[in-house]
C-alpha cells in the first residue's frame, strides 16, 4: 500500500505532463504488480486523466491572470521613456557643468 501511495504522489506531481497513453501504461504496470485490481484500472485511469486536465486548466488560469496583470508596453511608451532619460541625462550634465564652473571660480 505504501508503494501505491508513493507512486500516486509521484504521478500527481507529474500529471500535468502525462498523456492518457502514459497514464494507461502506468496503471497497467500497477495492475501487473498487484497494486491495482484489473477491474479498478479504468476508473483509476479516468480519475488521473481528469485530474491532469483539471490541473492543466488551473495552470492556464494562473497564466492568464499573470498575463492580465502585466500591462503591455508599446513602442511609443519606450520612445517616451527614452526621451525622458535623454532629457534627464542632459539636465544632469548641465548641473554638473555648473558645479564644475563654480569650483573653478573659487
C-alpha atoms as a PDB file:
ATOM      1  CA  UNK A   1       0.000   0.000   0.000  1.00  0.00           C
ATOM      2  CA  UNK A   2       2.838   2.451   0.800  1.00  0.00           C
ATOM      3  CA  UNK A   3       4.322   1.764  -2.611  1.00  0.00           C
ATOM      4  CA  UNK A   4       0.996   2.656  -4.231  1.00  0.00           C
ATOM      5  CA  UNK A   5       0.785   5.914  -2.263  1.00  0.00           C
ATOM      6  CA  UNK A   6       4.341   6.849  -3.210  1.00  0.00           C
ATOM      7  CA  UNK A   7       3.679   6.149  -6.872  1.00  0.00           C
ATOM      8  CA  UNK A   8       0.423   8.102  -6.701  1.00  0.00           C
ATOM      9  CA  UNK A   9       2.191  11.109  -5.241  1.00  0.00           C
ATOM     10  CA  UNK A  10       4.899  10.965  -7.878  1.00  0.00           C
ATOM     11  CA  UNK A  11       2.286  10.597 -10.574  1.00  0.00           C
ATOM     12  CA  UNK A  12       0.354  13.533  -9.104  1.00  0.00           C
ATOM     13  CA  UNK A  13       3.408  15.740  -9.355  1.00  0.00           C
ATOM     14  CA  UNK A  14       3.968  14.861 -12.964  1.00  0.00           C
ATOM     15  CA  UNK A  15       0.374  14.527 -14.067  1.00  0.00           C
ATOM     16  CA  UNK A  16       0.493  17.815 -15.948  1.00  0.00           C
ATOM     17  CA  UNK A  17       2.847  16.308 -18.472  1.00  0.00           C
ATOM     18  CA  UNK A  18       1.296  12.883 -18.740  1.00  0.00           C
ATOM     19  CA  UNK A  19      -0.759  11.865 -21.716  1.00  0.00           C
ATOM     20  CA  UNK A  20      -3.610   9.406 -21.428  1.00  0.00           C
ATOM     21  CA  UNK A  21      -1.371   6.769 -23.038  1.00  0.00           C
ATOM     22  CA  UNK A  22       1.256   7.188 -20.336  1.00  0.00           C
ATOM     23  CA  UNK A  23      -1.386   7.004 -17.626  1.00  0.00           C
ATOM     24  CA  UNK A  24      -2.697   3.769 -19.120  1.00  0.00           C
ATOM     25  CA  UNK A  25       0.813   2.291 -19.214  1.00  0.00           C
ATOM     26  CA  UNK A  26       1.456   3.372 -15.624  1.00  0.00           C
ATOM     27  CA  UNK A  27      -1.819   1.879 -14.367  1.00  0.00           C
ATOM     28  CA  UNK A  28      -1.230  -1.310 -16.375  1.00  0.00           C
ATOM     29  CA  UNK A  29       2.114  -1.662 -14.599  1.00  0.00           C
ATOM     30  CA  UNK A  30       0.378  -1.180 -11.247  1.00  0.00           C
ATOM     31  CA  UNK A  31      -2.085  -3.915 -12.210  1.00  0.00           C
ATOM     32  CA  UNK A  32       0.814  -6.226 -13.105  1.00  0.00           C
ATOM     33  CA  UNK A  33       2.443  -5.512  -9.741  1.00  0.00           C
ATOM     34  CA  UNK A  34      -0.822  -6.195  -7.940  1.00  0.00           C
ATOM     35  CA  UNK A  35      -1.134  -2.640  -6.640  1.00  0.00           C
ATOM     36  CA  UNK A  36      -4.411  -2.096  -8.510  1.00  0.00           C
ATOM     37  CA  UNK A  37      -7.091  -4.654  -9.289  1.00  0.00           C
ATOM     38  CA  UNK A  38      -7.826  -5.035 -13.023  1.00  0.00           C
ATOM     39  CA  UNK A  39     -11.463  -4.015 -12.568  1.00  0.00           C
ATOM     40  CA  UNK A  40     -10.356  -0.776 -10.860  1.00  0.00           C
ATOM     41  CA  UNK A  41      -7.923   0.196 -13.624  1.00  0.00           C
ATOM     42  CA  UNK A  42     -10.382   2.045 -15.918  1.00  0.00           C
ATOM     43  CA  UNK A  43     -11.644   4.166 -13.021  1.00  0.00           C
ATOM     44  CA  UNK A  44      -8.112   4.967 -11.862  1.00  0.00           C
ATOM     45  CA  UNK A  45      -7.152   5.952 -15.407  1.00  0.00           C
ATOM     46  CA  UNK A  46     -10.201   8.196 -15.783  1.00  0.00           C
ATOM     47  CA  UNK A  47      -9.575   9.887 -12.418  1.00  0.00           C
ATOM     48  CA  UNK A  48      -5.901  10.511 -13.179  1.00  0.00           C
ATOM     49  CA  UNK A  49      -6.623  11.880 -16.644  1.00  0.00           C
ATOM     50  CA  UNK A  50      -9.409  14.082 -15.263  1.00  0.00           C
ATOM     51  CA  UNK A  51      -7.097  15.358 -12.538  1.00  0.00           C
ATOM     52  CA  UNK A  52      -4.438  16.158 -15.128  1.00  0.00           C
ATOM     53  CA  UNK A  53      -6.952  18.100 -17.183  1.00  0.00           C
ATOM     54  CA  UNK A  54      -8.120  19.996 -14.093  1.00  0.00           C
ATOM     55  CA  UNK A  55      -4.549  20.875 -13.165  1.00  0.00           C
ATOM     56  CA  UNK A  56      -3.763  21.958 -16.725  1.00  0.00           C
ATOM     57  CA  UNK A  57      -6.827  24.206 -16.695  1.00  0.00           C
ATOM     58  CA  UNK A  58      -5.815  25.651 -13.326  1.00  0.00           C
ATOM     59  CA  UNK A  59      -2.349  26.350 -14.706  1.00  0.00           C
ATOM     60  CA  UNK A  60      -3.898  28.048 -17.739  1.00  0.00           C
ATOM     61  CA  UNK A  61      -5.986  30.239 -15.416  1.00  0.00           C
ATOM     62  CA  UNK A  62      -2.916  31.224 -13.406  1.00  0.00           C
ATOM     63  CA  UNK A  63      -1.011  32.096 -16.573  1.00  0.00           C
ATOM     64  CA  UNK A  64      -3.957  34.172 -17.840  1.00  0.00           C
ATOM     65  CA  UNK A  65      -4.178  36.002 -14.503  1.00  0.00           C
ATOM     66  CA  UNK A  66      -0.479  36.822 -14.600  1.00  0.00           C
ATOM     67  CA  UNK A  67      -0.703  37.988 -18.197  1.00  0.00           C
ATOM     68  CA  UNK A  68      -3.690  40.179 -17.328  1.00  0.00           C
ATOM     69  CA  UNK A  69      -1.652  41.790 -14.553  1.00  0.00           C
ATOM     70  CA  UNK A  70       1.131  42.709 -16.933  1.00  0.00           C
ATOM     71  CA  UNK A  71       0.495  45.992 -18.695  1.00  0.00           C
ATOM     72  CA  UNK A  72       1.633  45.818 -22.279  1.00  0.00           C
ATOM     73  CA  UNK A  73       4.280  48.350 -23.240  1.00  0.00           C
ATOM     74  CA  UNK A  74       4.044  49.959 -26.634  1.00  0.00           C
ATOM     75  CA  UNK A  75       6.863  51.204 -28.801  1.00  0.00           C
ATOM     76  CA  UNK A  76       5.575  54.714 -28.145  1.00  0.00           C
ATOM     77  CA  UNK A  77       5.895  54.148 -24.372  1.00  0.00           C
ATOM     78  CA  UNK A  78       9.507  53.040 -24.825  1.00  0.00           C
ATOM     79  CA  UNK A  79      10.304  56.016 -27.051  1.00  0.00           C
ATOM     80  CA  UNK A  80       8.747  58.390 -24.494  1.00  0.00           C
ATOM     81  CA  UNK A  81      10.837  56.852 -21.686  1.00  0.00           C
ATOM     82  CA  UNK A  82      13.979  57.149 -23.805  1.00  0.00           C
ATOM     83  CA  UNK A  83      13.180  60.808 -24.472  1.00  0.00           C
ATOM     84  CA  UNK A  84      12.756  61.465 -20.739  1.00  0.00           C
ATOM     85  CA  UNK A  85      16.014  59.668 -19.965  1.00  0.00           C
ATOM     86  CA  UNK A  86      17.812  61.782 -22.549  1.00  0.00           C
ATOM     87  CA  UNK A  87      16.315  64.951 -21.028  1.00  0.00           C
ATOM     88  CA  UNK A  88      17.358  63.907 -17.519  1.00  0.00           C
ATOM     89  CA  UNK A  89      20.874  62.994 -18.686  1.00  0.00           C
ATOM     90  CA  UNK A  90      21.215  66.406 -20.360  1.00  0.00           C
ATOM     91  CA  UNK A  91      19.968  68.109 -17.206  1.00  0.00           C
ATOM     92  CA  UNK A  92      22.474  66.162 -15.052  1.00  0.00           C
ATOM     93  CA  UNK A  93      25.296  67.145 -17.412  1.00  0.00           C
ATOM     94  CA  UNK A  94      24.145  70.758 -17.294  1.00  0.00           C
ATOM     95  CA  UNK A  95      24.075  70.756 -13.495  1.00  0.00           C
ATOM     96  CA  UNK A  96      27.436  69.005 -13.343  1.00  0.00           C
ATOM     97  CA  UNK A  97      28.865  71.658 -15.669  1.00  0.00           C
ATOM     98  CA  UNK A  98      27.585  74.455 -13.444  1.00  0.00           C
ATOM     99  CA  UNK A  99      29.073  72.782 -10.391  1.00  0.00           C
ATOM    100  CA  UNK A 100      32.428  72.462 -12.163  1.00  0.00           C
ATOM    101  CA  UNK A 101      32.293  76.149 -13.144  1.00  0.00           C
ATOM    102  CA  UNK A 102      31.636  77.194  -9.514  1.00  0.00           C
ATOM    103  CA  UNK A 103      34.626  75.169  -8.298  1.00  0.00           C
ATOM    104  CA  UNK A 104      36.882  76.775 -10.905  1.00  0.00           C
ATOM    105  CA  UNK A 105      35.743  80.276  -9.851  1.00  0.00           C
ATOM    106  CA  UNK A 106      36.631  79.608  -6.223  1.00  0.00           C
END
